[in-house]
Amino acid sequence: MPEKFIAVLNGPNLNLLGTRQPLIYGSDTLADVERLCAETAGAYGIGIETFQSNHEGELVEAVQRWRTTALGFVVNAAAYTHTSVAIRDALATIDGPLMEVHISNVHAREEFRHHSYLSDIASGVIVGCGIEGYRFAIERLVTLTSHRSQDA
């Protein structure tokens, strides 16, 4: 694990990116997302730790594993954004900032997608920018954590 890293967590069904509803989510794959994150963070001398799961408890455990060591978190909790108090409670314990990301514009979709259990604890929320949202989130985390990096 790199000394300085950003944790990138992806929730259910994001392993199907590129094949699941491409009109909504595009043709980029999860591997493309992870590559984009690594390239973006690497340009700043920061590593990336990525994790994807369809299981709520595994996502909670990933947050707990990195909550004190990650500079910050980029989280696309997918459907768990709208349902998981457990993931929210885990993310409330992290030492660094949280950026919430959604590939699609959740506010232009079904009503149940308009509520997020994460937004009120996030430093920022990026929606509707495709996988570029991950790049924006990492760049914002770099800005938010630059003082932490200088202190280390």
N, C-alpha and C. Protein backbone atom coordinates (compact mmCIF):
# COMPACT_ATOMS: atom_id res chain seq x y z
N MET A 1 0.85 -1.18 0.00
CA MET A 1 0.00 0.00 0.00
C MET A 1 0.89 1.24 0.00
N PRO A 2 0.61 2.20 -0.87
CA PRO A 2 1.41 3.42 -0.91
C PRO A 2 1.32 4.19 0.41
N GLU A 3 2.35 4.99 0.71
CA GLU A 3 2.35 5.76 1.94
C GLU A 3 1.19 6.74 1.98
N LYS A 4 1.01 7.51 0.91
CA LYS A 4 -0.12 8.44 0.80
C LYS A 4 -1.07 7.88 -0.25
N PHE A 5 -2.32 7.67 0.13
CA PHE A 5 -3.27 7.13 -0.84
C PHE A 5 -4.67 7.65 -0.59
N ILE A 6 -5.46 7.59 -1.65
CA ILE A 6 -6.88 7.90 -1.61
C ILE A 6 -7.62 6.58 -1.80
N ALA A 7 -8.61 6.35 -0.98
CA ALA A 7 -9.44 5.14 -1.10
C ALA A 7 -10.59 5.44 -2.06
N VAL A 8 -10.82 4.53 -3.00
CA VAL A 8 -11.92 4.66 -3.96
C VAL A 8 -12.81 3.44 -3.80
N LEU A 9 -14.04 3.67 -3.34
CA LEU A 9 -14.97 2.58 -3.10
C LEU A 9 -16.14 2.65 -4.07
N ASN A 10 -16.48 1.51 -4.64
CA ASN A 10 -17.60 1.41 -5.56
C ASN A 10 -18.57 0.34 -5.09
N GLY A 11 -19.84 0.66 -5.11
CA GLY A 11 -20.87 -0.22 -4.61
C GLY A 11 -21.45 -1.17 -5.64
N PRO A 12 -22.65 -1.66 -5.36
CA PRO A 12 -23.25 -2.74 -6.14
C PRO A 12 -23.47 -2.38 -7.61
N ASN A 13 -23.23 -3.37 -8.42
CA ASN A 13 -23.44 -3.35 -9.87
C ASN A 13 -22.42 -2.53 -10.64
N LEU A 14 -21.53 -1.84 -9.96
CA LEU A 14 -20.53 -1.07 -10.69
C LEU A 14 -19.49 -1.98 -11.34
N ASN A 15 -19.43 -3.23 -10.93
CA ASN A 15 -18.60 -4.21 -11.63
C ASN A 15 -19.14 -4.50 -13.03
N LEU A 16 -20.38 -4.09 -13.31
CA LEU A 16 -21.00 -4.30 -14.62
C LEU A 16 -20.90 -3.08 -15.53
N LEU A 17 -20.15 -2.06 -15.10
CA LEU A 17 -19.99 -0.88 -15.96
C LEU A 17 -19.50 -1.29 -17.34
N GLY A 18 -20.01 -0.62 -18.33
CA GLY A 18 -19.65 -0.92 -19.71
C GLY A 18 -20.66 -1.81 -20.40
N THR A 19 -21.37 -2.60 -19.60
CA THR A 19 -22.39 -3.48 -20.17
C THR A 19 -23.77 -3.21 -19.58
N ARG A 20 -23.84 -2.67 -18.37
CA ARG A 20 -25.12 -2.40 -17.72
C ARG A 20 -25.62 -1.01 -18.10
N GLN A 21 -26.76 -0.96 -18.74
CA GLN A 21 -27.43 0.29 -19.10
C GLN A 21 -26.44 1.34 -19.65
N PRO A 22 -25.79 1.05 -20.76
CA PRO A 22 -24.79 1.99 -21.28
C PRO A 22 -25.36 3.36 -21.65
N LEU A 23 -26.65 3.46 -21.94
CA LEU A 23 -27.23 4.78 -22.22
C LEU A 23 -27.23 5.66 -20.97
N ILE A 24 -27.25 5.05 -19.80
CA ILE A 24 -27.20 5.81 -18.54
C ILE A 24 -25.77 5.94 -18.04
N TYR A 25 -25.03 4.82 -18.05
CA TYR A 25 -23.72 4.77 -17.40
C TYR A 25 -22.54 4.83 -18.35
N GLY A 26 -22.79 4.79 -19.66
CA GLY A 26 -21.71 4.86 -20.63
C GLY A 26 -21.07 3.51 -20.89
N SER A 27 -20.03 3.51 -21.69
CA SER A 27 -19.38 2.27 -22.09
C SER A 27 -18.06 2.01 -21.35
N ASP A 28 -17.64 2.94 -20.50
CA ASP A 28 -16.43 2.74 -19.72
C ASP A 28 -16.66 1.64 -18.70
N THR A 29 -15.61 0.88 -18.41
CA THR A 29 -15.68 -0.23 -17.46
C THR A 29 -15.14 0.20 -16.09
N LEU A 30 -15.32 -0.66 -15.11
CA LEU A 30 -14.75 -0.41 -13.79
C LEU A 30 -13.22 -0.34 -13.88
N ALA A 31 -12.62 -1.16 -14.74
CA ALA A 31 -11.17 -1.09 -14.94
C ALA A 31 -10.77 0.29 -15.48
N ASP A 32 -11.60 0.86 -16.35
CA ASP A 32 -11.33 2.22 -16.86
C ASP A 32 -11.39 3.24 -15.73
N VAL A 33 -12.37 3.09 -14.85
CA VAL A 33 -12.50 3.99 -13.69
C VAL A 33 -11.25 3.89 -12.82
N GLU A 34 -10.85 2.67 -12.51
CA GLU A 34 -9.69 2.46 -11.64
C GLU A 34 -8.41 3.00 -12.28
N ARG A 35 -8.26 2.84 -13.58
CA ARG A 35 -7.10 3.36 -14.30
C ARG A 35 -7.10 4.90 -14.25
N LEU A 36 -8.26 5.51 -14.49
CA LEU A 36 -8.38 6.96 -14.44
C LEU A 36 -8.03 7.48 -13.05
N CYS A 37 -8.51 6.82 -12.02
CA CYS A 37 -8.21 7.22 -10.64
C CYS A 37 -6.71 7.12 -10.36
N ALA A 38 -6.10 6.02 -10.76
CA ALA A 38 -4.66 5.83 -10.52
C ALA A 38 -3.83 6.87 -11.26
N GLU A 39 -4.19 7.16 -12.50
CA GLU A 39 -3.46 8.16 -13.28
C GLU A 39 -3.61 9.56 -12.69
N THR A 40 -4.84 9.88 -12.26
CA THR A 40 -5.09 11.21 -11.70
C THR A 40 -4.33 11.40 -10.40
N ALA A 41 -4.45 10.44 -9.49
CA ALA A 41 -3.75 10.55 -8.21
C ALA A 41 -2.24 10.48 -8.41
N GLY A 42 -1.79 9.60 -9.31
CA GLY A 42 -0.36 9.45 -9.56
C GLY A 42 0.30 10.74 -10.03
N ALA A 43 -0.45 11.56 -10.76
CA ALA A 43 0.09 12.85 -11.22
C ALA A 43 0.42 13.76 -10.04
N TYR A 44 -0.16 13.49 -8.88
CA TYR A 44 0.10 14.27 -7.67
C TYR A 44 1.00 13.50 -6.69
N GLY A 45 1.52 12.36 -7.10
CA GLY A 45 2.37 11.56 -6.23
C GLY A 45 1.62 10.83 -5.14
N ILE A 46 0.36 10.56 -5.41
CA ILE A 46 -0.50 9.88 -4.44
C ILE A 46 -0.97 8.56 -5.03
N GLY A 47 -1.04 7.54 -4.19
CA GLY A 47 -1.51 6.24 -4.63
C GLY A 47 -3.02 6.12 -4.52
N ILE A 48 -3.52 5.00 -5.00
CA ILE A 48 -4.95 4.71 -4.96
C ILE A 48 -5.14 3.30 -4.43
N GLU A 49 -6.08 3.12 -3.58
CA GLU A 49 -6.55 1.80 -3.17
C GLU A 49 -8.01 1.71 -3.59
N THR A 50 -8.36 0.74 -4.42
CA THR A 50 -9.73 0.62 -4.91
C THR A 50 -10.38 -0.64 -4.37
N PHE A 51 -11.69 -0.57 -4.23
CA PHE A 51 -12.47 -1.73 -3.77
C PHE A 51 -13.88 -1.59 -4.31
N GLN A 52 -14.41 -2.68 -4.84
CA GLN A 52 -15.80 -2.74 -5.30
C GLN A 52 -16.43 -3.96 -4.69
N SER A 53 -17.68 -3.80 -4.24
CA SER A 53 -18.42 -4.94 -3.74
C SER A 53 -19.91 -4.73 -3.95
N ASN A 54 -20.59 -5.84 -4.11
CA ASN A 54 -22.05 -5.84 -4.16
C ASN A 54 -22.64 -6.06 -2.78
N HIS A 55 -21.78 -6.15 -1.77
CA HIS A 55 -22.21 -6.49 -0.40
C HIS A 55 -21.93 -5.34 0.56
N GLU A 56 -22.95 -4.91 1.23
CA GLU A 56 -22.87 -3.76 2.14
C GLU A 56 -21.79 -3.94 3.21
N GLY A 57 -21.77 -5.08 3.87
CA GLY A 57 -20.82 -5.32 4.95
C GLY A 57 -19.37 -5.27 4.48
N GLU A 58 -19.11 -5.73 3.26
CA GLU A 58 -17.74 -5.66 2.73
C GLU A 58 -17.32 -4.22 2.49
N LEU A 59 -18.25 -3.38 2.07
CA LEU A 59 -17.93 -1.95 1.89
C LEU A 59 -17.66 -1.30 3.24
N VAL A 60 -18.45 -1.64 4.26
CA VAL A 60 -18.21 -1.12 5.61
C VAL A 60 -16.83 -1.54 6.09
N GLU A 61 -16.46 -2.80 5.87
CA GLU A 61 -15.15 -3.28 6.31
C GLU A 61 -14.01 -2.57 5.58
N ALA A 62 -14.20 -2.26 4.31
CA ALA A 62 -13.17 -1.52 3.57
C ALA A 62 -13.00 -0.12 4.15
N VAL A 63 -14.10 0.54 4.49
CA VAL A 63 -14.01 1.85 5.12
C VAL A 63 -13.26 1.73 6.44
N GLN A 64 -13.61 0.75 7.25
CA GLN A 64 -12.95 0.58 8.54
C GLN A 64 -11.46 0.29 8.38
N ARG A 65 -11.09 -0.46 7.35
CA ARG A 65 -9.69 -0.82 7.10
C ARG A 65 -8.86 0.43 6.80
N TRP A 66 -9.42 1.40 6.06
CA TRP A 66 -8.65 2.55 5.59
C TRP A 66 -9.03 3.86 6.27
N ARG A 67 -9.94 3.84 7.23
CA ARG A 67 -10.50 5.08 7.76
C ARG A 67 -9.48 6.02 8.38
N THR A 68 -8.39 5.49 8.93
CA THR A 68 -7.38 6.36 9.55
C THR A 68 -6.11 6.50 8.71
N THR A 69 -6.00 5.74 7.63
CA THR A 69 -4.77 5.79 6.84
C THR A 69 -4.94 6.47 5.48
N ALA A 70 -6.14 6.51 4.95
CA ALA A 70 -6.38 7.16 3.65
C ALA A 70 -6.39 8.67 3.82
N LEU A 71 -5.84 9.37 2.83
CA LEU A 71 -5.92 10.84 2.83
C LEU A 71 -7.37 11.30 2.72
N GLY A 72 -8.17 10.54 1.99
CA GLY A 72 -9.58 10.83 1.78
C GLY A 72 -10.21 9.69 1.03
N PHE A 73 -11.53 9.78 0.86
CA PHE A 73 -12.30 8.74 0.21
C PHE A 73 -13.09 9.32 -0.96
N VAL A 74 -13.11 8.57 -2.06
CA VAL A 74 -14.04 8.80 -3.16
C VAL A 74 -14.98 7.61 -3.12
N VAL A 75 -16.28 7.89 -2.99
CA VAL A 75 -17.24 6.81 -2.83
C VAL A 75 -18.40 6.97 -3.81
N ASN A 76 -18.60 5.91 -4.59
CA ASN A 76 -19.82 5.77 -5.37
C ASN A 76 -20.51 4.55 -4.76
N ALA A 77 -21.37 4.81 -3.82
CA ALA A 77 -22.04 3.72 -3.11
C ALA A 77 -23.18 3.13 -3.92
N ALA A 78 -23.43 3.68 -5.11
CA ALA A 78 -24.48 3.18 -6.01
C ALA A 78 -25.80 3.12 -5.24
N ALA A 79 -26.54 2.04 -5.36
CA ALA A 79 -27.86 1.95 -4.72
C ALA A 79 -27.79 2.11 -3.21
N TYR A 80 -26.66 1.75 -2.60
CA TYR A 80 -26.53 1.91 -1.14
C TYR A 80 -26.53 3.37 -0.72
N THR A 81 -26.27 4.28 -1.65
CA THR A 81 -26.35 5.71 -1.36
C THR A 81 -27.71 6.06 -0.77
N HIS A 82 -28.74 5.40 -1.27
CA HIS A 82 -30.12 5.75 -0.93
C HIS A 82 -30.70 4.88 0.16
N THR A 83 -29.92 3.91 0.65
CA THR A 83 -30.48 2.95 1.60
C THR A 83 -29.62 2.62 2.80
N SER A 84 -28.32 2.88 2.75
CA SER A 84 -27.43 2.31 3.77
C SER A 84 -27.00 3.29 4.86
N VAL A 85 -27.60 3.13 6.00
CA VAL A 85 -27.16 3.85 7.19
C VAL A 85 -25.83 3.27 7.67
N ALA A 86 -25.62 1.97 7.46
CA ALA A 86 -24.38 1.32 7.89
C ALA A 86 -23.16 1.91 7.18
N ILE A 87 -23.24 2.10 5.87
CA ILE A 87 -22.13 2.69 5.13
C ILE A 87 -21.94 4.14 5.55
N ARG A 88 -23.02 4.86 5.73
CA ARG A 88 -22.94 6.25 6.19
C ARG A 88 -22.24 6.33 7.54
N ASP A 89 -22.64 5.47 8.48
CA ASP A 89 -22.04 5.49 9.81
C ASP A 89 -20.54 5.16 9.75
N ALA A 90 -20.16 4.22 8.89
CA ALA A 90 -18.73 3.91 8.74
C ALA A 90 -17.98 5.11 8.17
N LEU A 91 -18.53 5.74 7.13
CA LEU A 91 -17.86 6.88 6.52
C LEU A 91 -17.78 8.09 7.47
N ALA A 92 -18.68 8.18 8.41
CA ALA A 92 -18.64 9.27 9.38
C ALA A 92 -17.43 9.15 10.31
N THR A 93 -16.74 8.01 10.29
CA THR A 93 -15.58 7.81 11.17
C THR A 93 -14.25 8.08 10.49
N ILE A 94 -14.25 8.40 9.20
CA ILE A 94 -12.97 8.56 8.50
C ILE A 94 -12.26 9.83 8.94
N ASP A 95 -10.93 9.79 8.87
CA ASP A 95 -10.13 10.94 9.28
C ASP A 95 -10.06 12.04 8.22
N GLY A 96 -10.16 11.67 6.95
CA GLY A 96 -10.02 12.64 5.87
C GLY A 96 -11.37 12.99 5.26
N PRO A 97 -11.35 13.82 4.23
CA PRO A 97 -12.58 14.22 3.56
C PRO A 97 -13.16 13.10 2.68
N LEU A 98 -14.44 13.22 2.41
CA LEU A 98 -15.20 12.28 1.60
C LEU A 98 -15.77 13.03 0.40
N MET A 99 -15.59 12.43 -0.78
CA MET A 99 -16.23 12.93 -1.99
C MET A 99 -17.20 11.87 -2.47
N GLU A 100 -18.46 12.24 -2.62
CA GLU A 100 -19.50 11.34 -3.14
C GLU A 100 -19.58 11.53 -4.64
N VAL A 101 -19.59 10.42 -5.39
CA VAL A 101 -19.60 10.48 -6.85
C VAL A 101 -20.72 9.60 -7.39
N HIS A 102 -21.40 10.10 -8.43
CA HIS A 102 -22.36 9.30 -9.18
C HIS A 102 -22.13 9.57 -10.66
N ILE A 103 -22.05 8.51 -11.44
CA ILE A 103 -21.79 8.63 -12.87
C ILE A 103 -22.94 9.33 -13.57
N SER A 104 -24.16 8.94 -13.22
CA SER A 104 -25.34 9.56 -13.84
C SER A 104 -25.82 10.73 -12.97
N ASN A 105 -26.70 11.53 -13.52
CA ASN A 105 -27.32 12.61 -12.75
C ASN A 105 -28.50 12.01 -12.00
N VAL A 106 -28.26 11.64 -10.75
CA VAL A 106 -29.30 10.98 -9.96
C VAL A 106 -30.51 11.87 -9.75
N HIS A 107 -30.34 13.17 -9.86
CA HIS A 107 -31.45 14.10 -9.64
C HIS A 107 -32.39 14.18 -10.85
N ALA A 108 -31.96 13.65 -11.97
CA ALA A 108 -32.79 13.61 -13.17
C ALA A 108 -33.40 12.22 -13.36
N ARG A 109 -33.28 11.40 -12.34
CA ARG A 109 -33.77 10.02 -12.44
C ARG A 109 -34.93 9.80 -11.46
N GLU A 110 -35.17 8.57 -11.11
CA GLU A 110 -36.30 8.23 -10.24
C GLU A 110 -36.23 8.98 -8.91
N GLU A 111 -37.38 9.28 -8.37
CA GLU A 111 -37.47 10.05 -7.12
C GLU A 111 -36.66 9.42 -5.99
N PHE A 112 -36.67 8.09 -5.87
CA PHE A 112 -35.96 7.45 -4.75
C PHE A 112 -34.46 7.69 -4.82
N ARG A 113 -33.93 8.04 -5.97
CA ARG A 113 -32.50 8.32 -6.10
C ARG A 113 -32.12 9.74 -5.68
N HIS A 114 -33.10 10.55 -5.37
CA HIS A 114 -32.82 11.95 -5.03
C HIS A 114 -32.30 12.12 -3.62
N HIS A 115 -32.51 11.14 -2.76
CA HIS A 115 -32.02 11.24 -1.38
C HIS A 115 -30.74 10.44 -1.21
N SER A 116 -29.76 11.04 -0.57
CA SER A 116 -28.50 10.38 -0.27
C SER A 116 -28.26 10.39 1.22
N TYR A 117 -27.87 9.24 1.76
CA TYR A 117 -27.47 9.16 3.16
C TYR A 117 -26.03 9.66 3.36
N LEU A 118 -25.33 9.95 2.26
CA LEU A 118 -23.92 10.33 2.36
C LEU A 118 -23.67 11.82 2.18
N SER A 119 -24.54 12.50 1.46
CA SER A 119 -24.26 13.89 1.06
C SER A 119 -23.99 14.82 2.23
N ASP A 120 -24.69 14.65 3.34
CA ASP A 120 -24.52 15.58 4.45
C ASP A 120 -23.20 15.40 5.19
N ILE A 121 -22.50 14.30 4.97
CA ILE A 121 -21.18 14.11 5.59
C ILE A 121 -20.05 14.24 4.55
N ALA A 122 -20.42 14.50 3.30
CA ALA A 122 -19.42 14.61 2.23
C ALA A 122 -18.90 16.03 2.12
N SER A 123 -17.64 16.15 1.73
CA SER A 123 -17.06 17.47 1.44
C SER A 123 -17.54 18.00 0.11
N GLY A 124 -17.97 17.08 -0.77
CA GLY A 124 -18.49 17.46 -2.07
C GLY A 124 -19.23 16.31 -2.70
N VAL A 125 -20.12 16.64 -3.62
CA VAL A 125 -20.91 15.64 -4.34
C VAL A 125 -20.82 15.95 -5.82
N ILE A 126 -20.45 14.95 -6.61
CA ILE A 126 -20.31 15.12 -8.06
C ILE A 126 -21.25 14.14 -8.73
N VAL A 127 -22.18 14.67 -9.54
CA VAL A 127 -23.16 13.82 -10.22
C VAL A 127 -23.21 14.18 -11.70
N GLY A 128 -23.48 13.16 -12.51
CA GLY A 128 -23.77 13.40 -13.92
C GLY A 128 -22.59 13.73 -14.80
N CYS A 129 -21.38 13.50 -14.36
CA CYS A 129 -20.19 13.82 -15.16
C CYS A 129 -19.53 12.58 -15.74
N GLY A 130 -20.25 11.46 -15.74
CA GLY A 130 -19.64 10.22 -16.21
C GLY A 130 -18.50 9.82 -15.31
N ILE A 131 -17.58 9.02 -15.84
CA ILE A 131 -16.46 8.61 -14.98
C ILE A 131 -15.49 9.75 -14.72
N GLU A 132 -15.60 10.84 -15.47
CA GLU A 132 -14.78 12.02 -15.18
C GLU A 132 -15.03 12.54 -13.78
N GLY A 133 -16.19 12.26 -13.23
CA GLY A 133 -16.49 12.67 -11.86
C GLY A 133 -15.47 12.15 -10.86
N TYR A 134 -14.94 10.96 -11.12
CA TYR A 134 -13.91 10.41 -10.24
C TYR A 134 -12.64 11.26 -10.30
N ARG A 135 -12.28 11.70 -11.49
CA ARG A 135 -11.10 12.57 -11.63
C ARG A 135 -11.32 13.87 -10.88
N PHE A 136 -12.51 14.47 -11.06
CA PHE A 136 -12.82 15.71 -10.35
C PHE A 136 -12.74 15.50 -8.84
N ALA A 137 -13.26 14.37 -8.36
CA ALA A 137 -13.27 14.08 -6.93
C ALA A 137 -11.85 13.95 -6.39
N ILE A 138 -11.00 13.25 -7.12
CA ILE A 138 -9.61 13.09 -6.67
C ILE A 138 -8.89 14.43 -6.67
N GLU A 139 -9.10 15.22 -7.70
CA GLU A 139 -8.47 16.54 -7.74
C GLU A 139 -8.94 17.40 -6.57
N ARG A 140 -10.20 17.31 -6.23
CA ARG A 140 -10.71 18.07 -5.07
C ARG A 140 -10.10 17.56 -3.77
N LEU A 141 -9.99 16.23 -3.63
CA LEU A 141 -9.36 15.67 -2.43
C LEU A 141 -7.91 16.13 -2.31
N VAL A 142 -7.20 16.19 -3.42
CA VAL A 142 -5.82 16.67 -3.40
C VAL A 142 -5.80 18.09 -2.84
N THR A 143 -6.70 18.94 -3.30
CA THR A 143 -6.78 20.31 -2.80
C THR A 143 -7.11 20.32 -1.31
N LEU A 144 -8.10 19.54 -0.91
CA LEU A 144 -8.54 19.53 0.49
C LEU A 144 -7.49 18.97 1.44
N THR A 145 -6.64 18.07 0.95
CA THR A 145 -5.68 17.40 1.81
C THR A 145 -4.26 17.91 1.64
N SER A 146 -4.06 18.93 0.84
CA SER A 146 -2.69 19.40 0.59
C SER A 146 -1.99 19.81 1.87
N HIS A 147 -2.70 20.36 2.83
CA HIS A 147 -2.07 20.72 4.11
C HIS A 147 -1.66 19.48 4.89
N ARG A 148 -2.42 18.40 4.79
CA ARG A 148 -2.07 17.15 5.48
C ARG A 148 -0.82 16.55 4.86
N SER A 149 -0.69 16.63 3.53
CA SER A 149 0.47 16.08 2.84
C SER A 149 1.73 16.86 3.23
N GLN A 150 1.61 18.16 3.38
CA GLN A 150 2.75 18.99 3.72
C GLN A 150 3.21 18.75 5.15
N ASP A 151 2.25 18.40 6.04
CA ASP A 151 2.59 18.15 7.43
C ASP A 151 3.28 16.82 7.63
N ALA A 152 3.09 15.89 6.70
CA ALA A 152 3.63 14.53 6.86
C ALA A 152 5.13 14.49 6.67
